Amino acid sequence: MPFVFFAFLSHRVLFNSLCVQANAASGMAVHDDCKLKFLELKAKRTYRFIVYKIEEKQKQVIVEKLGEPAQSYEDFTASLPADECRYAVYDFDFVTEENVQKSRIFFIAW
């Protein structure tokens, strides 16, 4: 089973972390669509999750899959390959003890 790393980070740190990891690993670039889709998830809640893939031939990180807002965490985990690395963000909704609806975005290294 792959190692899974979850982190709750500020939105700025979250995306910068993805960019730095990609660039530091082997000089790979991050496709502009990665940032655009992340901003849509953050601001408009257009997606439940985004899965990013390192595209070796293009030498860049690309968006592999976008999860619709109605999709579940189980749908998200089912979209991750069993034997390949991925980066992802997941928009997690929850209700606090005070009965307040909240959302947090998690960065996941798979």
C-alpha atoms as a PDB file:
ATOM      1  CA  MET A   1       0.000   0.000   0.000  1.00  0.00           C
ATOM      2  CA  PRO A   2       1.405   3.454  -0.896  1.00  0.00           C
ATOM      3  CA  PHE A   3       2.475   5.903   1.758  1.00  0.00           C
ATOM      4  CA  VAL A   4      -0.088   8.665   2.177  1.00  0.00           C
ATOM      5  CA  PHE A   5       0.809  12.062   3.573  1.00  0.00           C
ATOM      6  CA  PHE A   6      -1.972  14.439   4.630  1.00  0.00           C
ATOM      7  CA  ALA A   7      -1.363  18.080   5.411  1.00  0.00           C
ATOM      8  CA  PHE A   8      -3.692  20.892   6.242  1.00  0.00           C
ATOM      9  CA  LEU A   9      -1.996  24.029   5.026  1.00  0.00           C
ATOM     10  CA  SER A  10      -2.909  27.567   4.161  1.00  0.00           C
ATOM     11  CA  HIS A  11      -4.005  27.880   0.531  1.00  0.00           C
ATOM     12  CA  ARG A  12      -0.896  29.830  -0.485  1.00  0.00           C
ATOM     13  CA  VAL A  13       1.443  27.334   1.170  1.00  0.00           C
ATOM     14  CA  LEU A  14      -0.549  24.451  -0.297  1.00  0.00           C
ATOM     15  CA  PHE A  15      -0.058  25.354  -3.942  1.00  0.00           C
ATOM     16  CA  ASN A  16       3.486  26.661  -3.443  1.00  0.00           C
ATOM     17  CA  SER A  17       4.340  23.320  -1.829  1.00  0.00           C
ATOM     18  CA  LEU A  18       3.226  21.474  -4.961  1.00  0.00           C
ATOM     19  CA  CYS A  19       5.262  23.813  -7.187  1.00  0.00           C
ATOM     20  CA  VAL A  20       8.402  23.588  -5.060  1.00  0.00           C
ATOM     21  CA  GLN A  21       8.227  19.792  -4.803  1.00  0.00           C
ATOM     22  CA  ALA A  22       7.841  19.444  -8.548  1.00  0.00           C
ATOM     23  CA  ASN A  23      10.651  21.868  -9.357  1.00  0.00           C
ATOM     24  CA  ALA A  24      13.006  20.529  -6.696  1.00  0.00           C
ATOM     25  CA  ALA A  25      12.511  16.892  -7.666  1.00  0.00           C
ATOM     26  CA  SER A  26      13.938  17.050 -11.172  1.00  0.00           C
ATOM     27  CA  GLY A  27      13.473  20.470 -12.702  1.00  0.00           C
ATOM     28  CA  MET A  28       9.864  19.764 -13.668  1.00  0.00           C
ATOM     29  CA  ALA A  29       7.482  22.597 -14.383  1.00  0.00           C
ATOM     30  CA  VAL A  30       3.917  22.927 -13.134  1.00  0.00           C
ATOM     31  CA  HIS A  31       1.338  23.364 -15.888  1.00  0.00           C
ATOM     32  CA  ASP A  32      -0.743  26.564 -15.594  1.00  0.00           C
ATOM     33  CA  ASP A  33      -3.932  24.480 -15.474  1.00  0.00           C
ATOM     34  CA  CYS A  34      -2.834  23.077 -12.088  1.00  0.00           C
ATOM     35  CA  LYS A  35      -3.009  26.489 -10.460  1.00  0.00           C
ATOM     36  CA  LEU A  36      -6.192  27.533 -12.295  1.00  0.00           C
ATOM     37  CA  LYS A  37      -8.089  24.410 -11.234  1.00  0.00           C
ATOM     38  CA  PHE A  38      -6.854  24.759  -7.654  1.00  0.00           C
ATOM     39  CA  LEU A  39      -8.078  28.368  -7.522  1.00  0.00           C
ATOM     40  CA  GLU A  40     -11.476  27.226  -8.849  1.00  0.00           C
ATOM     41  CA  LEU A  41     -11.681  24.575  -6.126  1.00  0.00           C
ATOM     42  CA  LYS A  42     -10.689  27.089  -3.456  1.00  0.00           C
ATOM     43  CA  ALA A  43     -12.830  30.057  -4.518  1.00  0.00           C
ATOM     44  CA  LYS A  44     -15.815  28.540  -6.316  1.00  0.00           C
ATOM     45  CA  ARG A  45     -15.874  25.020  -4.865  1.00  0.00           C
ATOM     46  CA  THR A  46     -16.138  23.736  -8.418  1.00  0.00           C
ATOM     47  CA  TYR A  47     -14.429  20.444  -7.556  1.00  0.00           C
ATOM     48  CA  ARG A  48     -14.302  18.073  -4.574  1.00  0.00           C
ATOM     49  CA  PHE A  49     -10.744  17.023  -5.389  1.00  0.00           C
ATOM     50  CA  ILE A  50      -7.924  17.404  -7.895  1.00  0.00           C
ATOM     51  CA  VAL A  51      -5.386  14.687  -8.641  1.00  0.00           C
ATOM     52  CA  TYR A  52      -2.052  15.824 -10.056  1.00  0.00           C
ATOM     53  CA  LYS A  53       0.324  13.621 -12.013  1.00  0.00           C
ATOM     54  CA  ILE A  54       3.967  14.044 -12.997  1.00  0.00           C
ATOM     55  CA  GLU A  55       4.066  13.676 -16.759  1.00  0.00           C
ATOM     56  CA  GLU A  56       7.568  12.400 -17.493  1.00  0.00           C
ATOM     57  CA  LYS A  57       7.500  13.033 -21.257  1.00  0.00           C
ATOM     58  CA  GLN A  58       6.386  16.635 -20.896  1.00  0.00           C
ATOM     59  CA  LYS A  59       8.558  17.168 -17.791  1.00  0.00           C
ATOM     60  CA  GLN A  60       5.741  18.817 -15.878  1.00  0.00           C
ATOM     61  CA  VAL A  61       3.006  18.328 -13.310  1.00  0.00           C
ATOM     62  CA  ILE A  62      -0.450  18.146 -14.898  1.00  0.00           C
ATOM     63  CA  VAL A  63      -4.049  17.739 -13.734  1.00  0.00           C
ATOM     64  CA  GLU A  64      -5.013  14.089 -14.090  1.00  0.00           C
ATOM     65  CA  LYS A  65      -8.513  14.044 -12.591  1.00  0.00           C
ATOM     66  CA  LEU A  66     -11.113  16.491 -11.328  1.00  0.00           C
ATOM     67  CA  GLY A  67     -13.724  15.289  -8.859  1.00  0.00           C
ATOM     68  CA  GLU A  68     -17.225  16.702  -9.083  1.00  0.00           C
ATOM     69  CA  PRO A  69     -18.562  18.438  -5.932  1.00  0.00           C
ATOM     70  CA  ALA A  70     -20.981  15.578  -5.213  1.00  0.00           C
ATOM     71  CA  GLN A  71     -18.254  12.932  -5.232  1.00  0.00           C
ATOM     72  CA  SER A  72     -17.184  11.322  -1.962  1.00  0.00           C
ATOM     73  CA  TYR A  73     -13.871  10.568  -0.294  1.00  0.00           C
ATOM     74  CA  GLU A  74     -14.318   6.961  -1.459  1.00  0.00           C
ATOM     75  CA  ASP A  75     -14.594   8.211  -5.057  1.00  0.00           C
ATOM     76  CA  PHE A  76     -11.398  10.178  -4.507  1.00  0.00           C
ATOM     77  CA  THR A  77      -9.423   7.231  -3.123  1.00  0.00           C
ATOM     78  CA  ALA A  78     -10.718   4.986  -5.916  1.00  0.00           C
ATOM     79  CA  SER A  79      -9.269   7.410  -8.475  1.00  0.00           C
ATOM     80  CA  LEU A  80      -5.725   7.018  -7.059  1.00  0.00           C
ATOM     81  CA  PRO A  81      -3.537   4.325  -8.623  1.00  0.00           C
ATOM     82  CA  ALA A  82      -2.324   1.560  -6.338  1.00  0.00           C
ATOM     83  CA  ASP A  83       1.294   1.588  -7.509  1.00  0.00           C
ATOM     84  CA  GLU A  84       2.065   5.103  -8.771  1.00  0.00           C
ATOM     85  CA  CYS A  85       2.799   8.413  -7.073  1.00  0.00           C
ATOM     86  CA  ARG A  86       0.324  11.283  -7.181  1.00  0.00           C
ATOM     87  CA  TYR A  87      -0.291  14.636  -5.526  1.00  0.00           C
ATOM     88  CA  ALA A  88      -3.819  15.703  -4.722  1.00  0.00           C
ATOM     89  CA  VAL A  89      -5.956  18.256  -2.946  1.00  0.00           C
ATOM     90  CA  TYR A  90      -9.233  17.316  -1.289  1.00  0.00           C
ATOM     91  CA  ASP A  91     -11.932  19.720  -0.094  1.00  0.00           C
ATOM     92  CA  PHE A  92     -13.252  18.174   3.128  1.00  0.00           C
ATOM     93  CA  ASP A  93     -16.626  19.345   4.484  1.00  0.00           C
ATOM     94  CA  PHE A  94     -17.536  18.850   8.138  1.00  0.00           C
ATOM     95  CA  VAL A  95     -19.782  20.163  10.898  1.00  0.00           C
ATOM     96  CA  THR A  96     -18.267  21.479  14.142  1.00  0.00           C
ATOM     97  CA  GLU A  97     -19.507  20.698  17.648  1.00  0.00           C
ATOM     98  CA  GLU A  98     -21.293  24.058  17.505  1.00  0.00           C
ATOM     99  CA  ASN A  99     -23.184  22.795  14.413  1.00  0.00           C
ATOM    100  CA  VAL A 100     -21.315  25.102  12.022  1.00  0.00           C
ATOM    101  CA  GLN A 101     -20.645  23.895   8.464  1.00  0.00           C
ATOM    102  CA  LYS A 102     -16.916  24.184   7.637  1.00  0.00           C
ATOM    103  CA  SER A 103     -14.529  23.143   4.907  1.00  0.00           C
ATOM    104  CA  ARG A 104     -10.776  22.475   4.850  1.00  0.00           C
ATOM    105  CA  ILE A 105      -8.526  21.760   1.902  1.00  0.00           C
ATOM    106  CA  PHE A 106      -5.953  18.998   2.416  1.00  0.00           C
ATOM    107  CA  PHE A 107      -2.807  18.384   0.372  1.00  0.00           C
ATOM    108  CA  ILE A 108      -2.091  14.685  -0.105  1.00  0.00           C
ATOM    109  CA  ALA A 109       1.099  13.038  -1.337  1.00  0.00           C
ATOM    110  CA  TRP A 110       0.252   9.516  -2.510  1.00  0.00           C
END
